[in-house]
Amino acid sequence: MHRPHRWALQDAKARFSELVRRVRSDGPQHVTVHGRDEVVVISADEFRRLQGEPTGKAFVAAFQASPYREIEIEPRRARLPVRDVDL
């Protein structure tokens, strides 16, 4: 398995251009602080892919694929008490 490349924060700051090149050529790059992963730098294309389309198509598709899509749901309306108002 390919182990992602890790950068100490100080190295990532000092060699930022190289970090960006590595993201483009090798994929996501992990930046560590005190030896622990803090952030992962990814390409803009990968970010857009992960973010998905803001159209709601995936949401609609999920509902359409549901085995319960034929169930009719009617909202329940509860009568609320009316209070007197002095004008």
PDB file of N, CA and C in Angstrom:
ATOM      1  N   MET A   1       0.845  -1.190   0.000  1.00  0.00           N
ATOM      2  CA  MET A   1       0.000   0.000   0.000  1.00  0.00           C
ATOM      3  C   MET A   1       0.889   1.251   0.000  1.00  0.00           C
ATOM      4  N   HIS A   2       0.476   2.249  -0.750  1.00  0.00           N
ATOM      5  CA  HIS A   2       1.233   3.498  -0.844  1.00  0.00           C
ATOM      6  C   HIS A   2       0.979   4.324   0.405  1.00  0.00           C
ATOM      7  N   ARG A   3       2.039   4.673   1.107  1.00  0.00           N
ATOM      8  CA  ARG A   3       1.924   5.509   2.314  1.00  0.00           C
ATOM      9  C   ARG A   3       1.995   6.969   1.883  1.00  0.00           C
ATOM     10  N   PRO A   4       1.019   7.770   2.294  1.00  0.00           N
ATOM     11  CA  PRO A   4       1.033   9.178   1.886  1.00  0.00           C
ATOM     12  C   PRO A   4       2.263   9.900   2.428  1.00  0.00           C
ATOM     13  N   HIS A   5       2.726  10.858   1.674  1.00  0.00           N
ATOM     14  CA  HIS A   5       3.897  11.637   2.085  1.00  0.00           C
ATOM     15  C   HIS A   5       3.510  12.565   3.222  1.00  0.00           C
ATOM     16  N   ARG A   6       4.380  12.671   4.198  1.00  0.00           N
ATOM     17  CA  ARG A   6       4.128  13.528   5.359  1.00  0.00           C
ATOM     18  C   ARG A   6       5.170  14.644   5.418  1.00  0.00           C
ATOM     19  N   TRP A   7       4.705  15.808   5.784  1.00  0.00           N
ATOM     20  CA  TRP A   7       5.543  16.990   5.900  1.00  0.00           C
ATOM     21  C   TRP A   7       5.374  17.575   7.294  1.00  0.00           C
ATOM     22  N   ALA A   8       6.449  17.877   7.954  1.00  0.00           N
ATOM     23  CA  ALA A   8       6.370  18.657   9.185  1.00  0.00           C
ATOM     24  C   ALA A   8       5.930  20.064   8.788  1.00  0.00           C
ATOM     25  N   LEU A   9       5.178  20.714   9.625  1.00  0.00           N
ATOM     26  CA  LEU A   9       4.646  22.038   9.298  1.00  0.00           C
ATOM     27  C   LEU A   9       5.740  23.002   8.862  1.00  0.00           C
ATOM     28  N   GLN A  10       6.864  22.996   9.569  1.00  0.00           N
ATOM     29  CA  GLN A  10       7.957  23.910   9.222  1.00  0.00           C
ATOM     30  C   GLN A  10       8.465  23.629   7.804  1.00  0.00           C
ATOM     31  N   ASP A  11       8.600  22.356   7.436  1.00  0.00           N
ATOM     32  CA  ASP A  11       9.052  21.995   6.088  1.00  0.00           C
ATOM     33  C   ASP A  11       8.017  22.372   5.036  1.00  0.00           C
ATOM     34  N   ALA A  12       6.750  22.160   5.357  1.00  0.00           N
ATOM     35  CA  ALA A  12       5.685  22.502   4.409  1.00  0.00           C
ATOM     36  C   ALA A  12       5.679  23.996   4.119  1.00  0.00           C
ATOM     37  N   LYS A  13       5.903  24.811   5.162  1.00  0.00           N
ATOM     38  CA  LYS A  13       5.944  26.260   4.960  1.00  0.00           C
ATOM     39  C   LYS A  13       7.168  26.663   4.155  1.00  0.00           C
ATOM     40  N   ALA A  14       8.307  26.080   4.468  1.00  0.00           N
ATOM     41  CA  ALA A  14       9.556  26.459   3.802  1.00  0.00           C
ATOM     42  C   ALA A  14       9.600  25.976   2.355  1.00  0.00           C
ATOM     43  N   ARG A  15       8.926  24.863   2.068  1.00  0.00           N
ATOM     44  CA  ARG A  15       8.997  24.266   0.730  1.00  0.00           C
ATOM     45  C   ARG A  15       7.603  24.144   0.111  1.00  0.00           C
ATOM     46  N   PHE A  16       6.821  25.198   0.270  1.00  0.00           N
ATOM     47  CA  PHE A  16       5.420  25.156  -0.157  1.00  0.00           C
ATOM     48  C   PHE A  16       5.269  24.858  -1.653  1.00  0.00           C
ATOM     49  N   SER A  17       6.105  25.449  -2.489  1.00  0.00           N
ATOM     50  CA  SER A  17       6.011  25.197  -3.933  1.00  0.00           C
ATOM     51  C   SER A  17       6.212  23.720  -4.237  1.00  0.00           C
ATOM     52  N   GLU A  18       7.164  23.095  -3.555  1.00  0.00           N
ATOM     53  CA  GLU A  18       7.396  21.663  -3.752  1.00  0.00           C
ATOM     54  C   GLU A  18       6.195  20.859  -3.255  1.00  0.00           C
ATOM     55  N   LEU A  19       5.629  21.264  -2.127  1.00  0.00           N
ATOM     56  CA  LEU A  19       4.444  20.589  -1.603  1.00  0.00           C
ATOM     57  C   LEU A  19       3.329  20.608  -2.644  1.00  0.00           C
ATOM     58  N   VAL A  20       3.088  21.753  -3.263  1.00  0.00           N
ATOM     59  CA  VAL A  20       2.047  21.878  -4.293  1.00  0.00           C
ATOM     60  C   VAL A  20       2.367  20.974  -5.478  1.00  0.00           C
ATOM     61  N   ARG A  21       3.619  20.943  -5.909  1.00  0.00           N
ATOM     62  CA  ARG A  21       4.005  20.058  -7.021  1.00  0.00           C
ATOM     63  C   ARG A  21       3.749  18.590  -6.664  1.00  0.00           C
ATOM     64  N   ARG A  22       4.064  18.216  -5.431  1.00  0.00           N
ATOM     65  CA  ARG A  22       3.846  16.829  -4.994  1.00  0.00           C
ATOM     66  C   ARG A  22       2.365  16.474  -4.957  1.00  0.00           C
ATOM     67  N   VAL A  23       1.540  17.433  -4.561  1.00  0.00           N
ATOM     68  CA  VAL A  23       0.090  17.191  -4.570  1.00  0.00           C
ATOM     69  C   VAL A  23      -0.348  16.866  -5.984  1.00  0.00           C
ATOM     70  N   ARG A  24       0.138  17.637  -6.944  1.00  0.00           N
ATOM     71  CA  ARG A  24      -0.245  17.422  -8.343  1.00  0.00           C
ATOM     72  C   ARG A  24       0.281  16.096  -8.877  1.00  0.00           C
ATOM     73  N   SER A  25       1.501  15.728  -8.519  1.00  0.00           N
ATOM     74  CA  SER A  25       2.100  14.516  -9.097  1.00  0.00           C
ATOM     75  C   SER A  25       1.825  13.253  -8.283  1.00  0.00           C
ATOM     76  N   ASP A  26       1.800  13.365  -6.941  1.00  0.00           N
ATOM     77  CA  ASP A  26       1.695  12.171  -6.096  1.00  0.00           C
ATOM     78  C   ASP A  26       0.381  12.059  -5.336  1.00  0.00           C
ATOM     79  N   GLY A  27      -0.433  13.099  -5.372  1.00  0.00           N
ATOM     80  CA  GLY A  27      -1.701  13.038  -4.647  1.00  0.00           C
ATOM     81  C   GLY A  27      -1.620  13.733  -3.295  1.00  0.00           C
ATOM     82  N   PRO A  28      -2.595  13.465  -2.440  1.00  0.00           N
ATOM     83  CA  PRO A  28      -2.696  14.162  -1.150  1.00  0.00           C
ATOM     84  C   PRO A  28      -1.415  14.096  -0.323  1.00  0.00           C
ATOM     85  N   GLN A  29      -1.120  15.218   0.352  1.00  0.00           N
ATOM     86  CA  GLN A  29       0.068  15.327   1.192  1.00  0.00           C
ATOM     87  C   GLN A  29      -0.371  15.690   2.609  1.00  0.00           C
ATOM     88  N   HIS A  30       0.120  14.962   3.577  1.00  0.00           N
ATOM     89  CA  HIS A  30      -0.230  15.195   4.983  1.00  0.00           C
ATOM     90  C   HIS A  30       0.764  16.178   5.602  1.00  0.00           C
ATOM     91  N   VAL A  31       0.241  17.122   6.373  1.00  0.00           N
ATOM     92  CA  VAL A  31       1.086  18.058   7.103  1.00  0.00           C
ATOM     93  C   VAL A  31       0.898  17.754   8.587  1.00  0.00           C
ATOM     94  N   THR A  32       2.026  17.597   9.279  1.00  0.00           N
ATOM     95  CA  THR A  32       1.976  17.212  10.687  1.00  0.00           C
ATOM     96  C   THR A  32       2.415  18.358  11.594  1.00  0.00           C
ATOM     97  N   VAL A  33       1.875  18.347  12.802  1.00  0.00           N
ATOM     98  CA  VAL A  33       2.286  19.273  13.854  1.00  0.00           C
ATOM     99  C   VAL A  33       2.598  18.401  15.070  1.00  0.00           C
ATOM    100  N   HIS A  34       3.814  18.508  15.547  1.00  0.00           N
ATOM    101  CA  HIS A  34       4.277  17.682  16.665  1.00  0.00           C
ATOM    102  C   HIS A  34       4.088  16.192  16.365  1.00  0.00           C
ATOM    103  N   GLY A  35       4.315  15.822  15.095  1.00  0.00           N
ATOM    104  CA  GLY A  35       4.253  14.418  14.697  1.00  0.00           C
ATOM    105  C   GLY A  35       2.863  13.863  14.445  1.00  0.00           C
ATOM    106  N   ARG A  36       1.848  14.681  14.604  1.00  0.00           N
ATOM    107  CA  ARG A  36       0.472  14.222  14.387  1.00  0.00           C
ATOM    108  C   ARG A  36      -0.126  14.895  13.166  1.00  0.00           C
ATOM    109  N   ASP A  37      -0.874  14.134  12.369  1.00  0.00           N
ATOM    110  CA  ASP A  37      -1.540  14.706  11.202  1.00  0.00           C
ATOM    111  C   ASP A  37      -2.466  15.842  11.619  1.00  0.00           C
ATOM    112  N   GLU A  38      -2.319  16.983  10.967  1.00  0.00           N
ATOM    113  CA  GLU A  38      -3.197  18.125  11.213  1.00  0.00           C
ATOM    114  C   GLU A  38      -4.071  18.429  10.011  1.00  0.00           C
ATOM    115  N   VAL A  39      -3.457  18.456   8.821  1.00  0.00           N
ATOM    116  CA  VAL A  39      -4.216  18.748   7.608  1.00  0.00           C
ATOM    117  C   VAL A  39      -3.709  17.855   6.484  1.00  0.00           C
ATOM    118  N   VAL A  40      -4.547  17.741   5.461  1.00  0.00           N
ATOM    119  CA  VAL A  40      -4.153  17.048   4.237  1.00  0.00           C
ATOM    120  C   VAL A  40      -4.359  18.035   3.102  1.00  0.00           C
ATOM    121  N   VAL A  41      -3.332  18.242   2.308  1.00  0.00           N
ATOM    122  CA  VAL A  41      -3.410  19.157   1.172  1.00  0.00           C
ATOM    123  C   VAL A  41      -3.777  18.332  -0.052  1.00  0.00           C
ATOM    124  N   ILE A  42      -4.860  18.752  -0.736  1.00  0.00           N
ATOM    125  CA  ILE A  42      -5.311  18.047  -1.934  1.00  0.00           C
ATOM    126  C   ILE A  42      -5.433  19.034  -3.082  1.00  0.00           C
ATOM    127  N   SER A  43      -5.536  18.508  -4.294  1.00  0.00           N
ATOM    128  CA  SER A  43      -5.671  19.371  -5.470  1.00  0.00           C
ATOM    129  C   SER A  43      -7.063  19.998  -5.506  1.00  0.00           C
ATOM    130  N   ALA A  44      -7.182  21.090  -6.225  1.00  0.00           N
ATOM    131  CA  ALA A  44      -8.478  21.757  -6.373  1.00  0.00           C
ATOM    132  C   ALA A  44      -9.471  20.832  -7.070  1.00  0.00           C
ATOM    133  N   ASP A  45      -9.016  20.061  -8.050  1.00  0.00           N
ATOM    134  CA  ASP A  45      -9.911  19.118  -8.736  1.00  0.00           C
ATOM    135  C   ASP A  45     -10.445  18.073  -7.762  1.00  0.00           C
ATOM    136  N   GLU A  46      -9.571  17.545  -6.911  1.00  0.00           N
ATOM    137  CA  GLU A  46     -10.001  16.558  -5.928  1.00  0.00           C
ATOM    138  C   GLU A  46     -10.971  17.180  -4.930  1.00  0.00           C
ATOM    139  N   PHE A  47     -10.714  18.402  -4.524  1.00  0.00           N
ATOM    140  CA  PHE A  47     -11.613  19.091  -3.605  1.00  0.00           C
ATOM    141  C   PHE A  47     -13.001  19.243  -4.224  1.00  0.00           C
ATOM    142  N   ARG A  48     -13.056  19.680  -5.485  1.00  0.00           N
ATOM    143  CA  ARG A  48     -14.346  19.834  -6.164  1.00  0.00           C
ATOM    144  C   ARG A  48     -15.066  18.497  -6.272  1.00  0.00           C
ATOM    145  N   ARG A  49     -14.319  17.432  -6.564  1.00  0.00           N
ATOM    146  CA  ARG A  49     -14.922  16.102  -6.674  1.00  0.00           C
ATOM    147  C   ARG A  49     -15.517  15.677  -5.333  1.00  0.00           C
ATOM    148  N   LEU A  50     -14.780  15.883  -4.259  1.00  0.00           N
ATOM    149  CA  LEU A  50     -15.261  15.498  -2.934  1.00  0.00           C
ATOM    150  C   LEU A  50     -16.432  16.358  -2.472  1.00  0.00           C
ATOM    151  N   GLN A  51     -16.401  17.618  -2.835  1.00  0.00           N
ATOM    152  CA  GLN A  51     -17.448  18.549  -2.438  1.00  0.00           C
ATOM    153  C   GLN A  51     -18.765  18.211  -3.125  1.00  0.00           C
ATOM    154  N   GLY A  52     -18.704  17.695  -4.336  1.00  0.00           N
ATOM    155  CA  GLY A  52     -19.912  17.342  -5.069  1.00  0.00           C
ATOM    156  C   GLY A  52     -20.599  18.558  -5.650  1.00  0.00           C
ATOM    157  N   GLU A  53     -21.618  18.274  -6.424  1.00  0.00           N
ATOM    158  CA  GLU A  53     -22.368  19.344  -7.067  1.00  0.00           C
ATOM    159  C   GLU A  53     -23.405  19.909  -6.103  1.00  0.00           C
ATOM    160  N   PRO A  54     -23.532  21.221  -6.049  1.00  0.00           N
ATOM    161  CA  PRO A  54     -24.518  21.823  -5.159  1.00  0.00           C
ATOM    162  C   PRO A  54     -25.935  21.805  -5.726  1.00  0.00           C
ATOM    163  N   THR A  55     -26.201  20.942  -6.714  1.00  0.00           N
ATOM    164  CA  THR A  55     -27.511  20.927  -7.369  1.00  0.00           C
ATOM    165  C   THR A  55     -28.553  20.134  -6.612  1.00  0.00           C
ATOM    166  N   GLY A  56     -28.134  19.242  -5.727  1.00  0.00           N
ATOM    167  CA  GLY A  56     -29.088  18.397  -5.023  1.00  0.00           C
ATOM    168  C   GLY A  56     -29.406  17.125  -5.770  1.00  0.00           C
ATOM    169  N   LYS A  57     -28.732  16.881  -6.902  1.00  0.00           N
ATOM    170  CA  LYS A  57     -29.009  15.682  -7.695  1.00  0.00           C
ATOM    171  C   LYS A  57     -28.768  14.401  -6.891  1.00  0.00           C
ATOM    172  N   ALA A  58     -27.703  14.374  -6.102  1.00  0.00           N
ATOM    173  CA  ALA A  58     -27.406  13.180  -5.308  1.00  0.00           C
ATOM    174  C   ALA A  58     -28.507  12.947  -4.276  1.00  0.00           C
ATOM    175  N   PHE A  59     -29.023  14.013  -3.695  1.00  0.00           N
ATOM    176  CA  PHE A  59     -30.088  13.910  -2.701  1.00  0.00           C
ATOM    177  C   PHE A  59     -31.356  13.343  -3.350  1.00  0.00           C
ATOM    178  N   VAL A  60     -31.720  13.862  -4.512  1.00  0.00           N
ATOM    179  CA  VAL A  60     -32.901  13.381  -5.235  1.00  0.00           C
ATOM    180  C   VAL A  60     -32.702  11.929  -5.644  1.00  0.00           C
ATOM    181  N   ALA A  61     -31.514  11.584  -6.131  1.00  0.00           N
ATOM    182  CA  ALA A  61     -31.236  10.206  -6.537  1.00  0.00           C
ATOM    183  C   ALA A  61     -31.352   9.247  -5.355  1.00  0.00           C
ATOM    184  N   ALA A  62     -30.905   9.666  -4.189  1.00  0.00           N
ATOM    185  CA  ALA A  62     -31.007   8.814  -3.003  1.00  0.00           C
ATOM    186  C   ALA A  62     -32.467   8.562  -2.651  1.00  0.00           C
ATOM    187  N   PHE A  63     -33.298   9.585  -2.726  1.00  0.00           N
ATOM    188  CA  PHE A  63     -34.724   9.387  -2.456  1.00  0.00           C
ATOM    189  C   PHE A  63     -35.366   8.484  -3.501  1.00  0.00           C
ATOM    190  N   GLN A  64     -34.988   8.665  -4.762  1.00  0.00           N
ATOM    191  CA  GLN A  64     -35.573   7.849  -5.819  1.00  0.00           C
ATOM    192  C   GLN A  64     -35.151   6.387  -5.714  1.00  0.00           C
ATOM    193  N   ALA A  65     -33.985   6.128  -5.157  1.00  0.00           N
ATOM    194  CA  ALA A  65     -33.503   4.758  -5.010  1.00  0.00           C
ATOM    195  C   ALA A  65     -34.039   4.083  -3.752  1.00  0.00           C
ATOM    196  N   SER A  66     -34.731   4.816  -2.913  1.00  0.00           N
ATOM    197  CA  SER A  66     -35.236   4.276  -1.658  1.00  0.00           C
ATOM    198  C   SER A  66     -36.316   3.223  -1.908  1.00  0.00           C
ATOM    199  N   PRO A  67     -36.282   2.114  -1.152  1.00  0.00           N
ATOM    200  CA  PRO A  67     -37.352   1.125  -1.293  1.00  0.00           C
ATOM    201  C   PRO A  67     -38.690   1.639  -0.751  1.00  0.00           C
ATOM    202  N   TYR A  68     -38.694   2.759  -0.070  1.00  0.00           N
ATOM    203  CA  TYR A  68     -39.907   3.328   0.509  1.00  0.00           C
ATOM    204  C   TYR A  68     -40.466   4.487  -0.307  1.00  0.00           C
ATOM    205  N   ARG A  69     -40.025   4.642  -1.528  1.00  0.00           N
ATOM    206  CA  ARG A  69     -40.417   5.815  -2.312  1.00  0.00           C
ATOM    207  C   ARG A  69     -41.900   5.834  -2.668  1.00  0.00           C
ATOM    208  N   GLU A  70     -42.591   4.679  -2.617  1.00  0.00           N
ATOM    209  CA  GLU A  70     -44.009   4.620  -2.983  1.00  0.00           C
ATOM    210  C   GLU A  70     -44.928   4.962  -1.806  1.00  0.00           C
ATOM    211  N   ILE A  71     -44.388   5.084  -0.615  1.00  0.00           N
ATOM    212  CA  ILE A  71     -45.205   5.378   0.556  1.00  0.00           C
ATOM    213  C   ILE A  71     -45.672   6.827   0.502  1.00  0.00           C
ATOM    214  N   GLU A  72     -46.964   6.993   0.687  1.00  0.00           N
ATOM    215  CA  GLU A  72     -47.531   8.350   0.707  1.00  0.00           C
ATOM    216  C   GLU A  72     -47.450   8.875   2.137  1.00  0.00           C
ATOM    217  N   ILE A  73     -46.939  10.048   2.291  1.00  0.00           N
ATOM    218  CA  ILE A  73     -46.832  10.673   3.607  1.00  0.00           C
ATOM    219  C   ILE A  73     -47.674  11.933   3.596  1.00  0.00           C
ATOM    220  N   GLU A  74     -48.627  11.967   4.509  1.00  0.00           N
ATOM    221  CA  GLU A  74     -49.457  13.158   4.626  1.00  0.00           C
ATOM    222  C   GLU A  74     -49.095  13.863   5.919  1.00  0.00           C
ATOM    223  N   PRO A  75     -48.906  15.163   5.858  1.00  0.00           N
ATOM    224  CA  PRO A  75     -48.573  15.886   7.086  1.00  0.00           C
ATOM    225  C   PRO A  75     -49.759  15.876   8.045  1.00  0.00           C
ATOM    226  N   ARG A  76     -49.467  15.751   9.316  1.00  0.00           N
ATOM    227  CA  ARG A  76     -50.511  15.825  10.333  1.00  0.00           C
ATOM    228  C   ARG A  76     -50.673  17.280  10.748  1.00  0.00           C
ATOM    229  N   ARG A  77     -51.890  17.688  10.832  1.00  0.00           N
ATOM    230  CA  ARG A  77     -52.174  19.061  11.236  1.00  0.00           C
ATOM    231  C   ARG A  77     -52.861  19.018  12.607  1.00  0.00           C
ATOM    232  N   ALA A  78     -52.260  19.622  13.544  1.00  0.00           N
ATOM    233  CA  ALA A  78     -52.849  19.679  14.878  1.00  0.00           C
ATOM    234  C   ALA A  78     -53.498  21.033  15.068  1.00  0.00           C
ATOM    235  N   ARG A  79     -54.699  21.005  15.625  1.00  0.00           N
ATOM    236  CA  ARG A  79     -55.363  22.283  15.912  1.00  0.00           C
ATOM    237  C   ARG A  79     -54.721  22.877  17.142  1.00  0.00           C
ATOM    238  N   LEU A  80     -54.307  24.081  17.001  1.00  0.00           N
ATOM    239  CA  LEU A  80     -53.694  24.789  18.127  1.00  0.00           C
ATOM    240  C   LEU A  80     -54.743  25.675  18.782  1.00  0.00           C
ATOM    241  N   PRO A  81     -54.686  25.781  20.091  1.00  0.00           N
ATOM    242  CA  PRO A  81     -55.671  26.648  20.759  1.00  0.00           C
ATOM    243  C   PRO A  81     -55.489  28.096  20.324  1.00  0.00           C
ATOM    244  N   VAL A  82     -56.599  28.779  20.216  1.00  0.00           N
ATOM    245  CA  VAL A  82     -56.572  30.186  19.842  1.00  0.00           C
ATOM    246  C   VAL A  82     -56.718  30.998  21.119  1.00  0.00           C
ATOM    247  N   ARG A  83     -55.917  31.990  21.279  1.00  0.00           N
ATOM    248  CA  ARG A  83     -56.031  32.812  22.481  1.00  0.00           C
ATOM    249  C   ARG A  83     -56.638  34.166  22.142  1.00  0.00           C
ATOM    250  N   ASP A  84     -57.277  34.719  23.117  1.00  0.00           N
ATOM    251  CA  ASP A  84     -57.905  36.031  22.944  1.00  0.00           C
ATOM    252  C   ASP A  84     -56.817  37.113  22.957  1.00  0.00           C
ATOM    253  N   VAL A  85     -57.008  38.106  22.100  1.00  0.00           N
ATOM    254  CA  VAL A  85     -56.076  39.222  22.030  1.00  0.00           C
ATOM    255  C   VAL A  85     -56.861  40.507  22.187  1.00  0.00           C
ATOM    256  N   ASP A  86     -56.409  41.334  23.107  1.00  0.00           N
ATOM    257  CA  ASP A  86     -57.050  42.646  23.292  1.00  0.00           C
ATOM    258  C   ASP A  86     -56.368  43.651  22.375  1.00  0.00           C
ATOM    259  N   LEU A  87     -57.177  44.344  21.587  1.00  0.00           N
ATOM    260  CA  LEU A  87     -56.629  45.360  20.678  1.00  0.00           C
ATOM    261  C   LEU A  87     -56.999  46.736  21.125  1.00  0.00           C
TER     262      LEU A  87
END
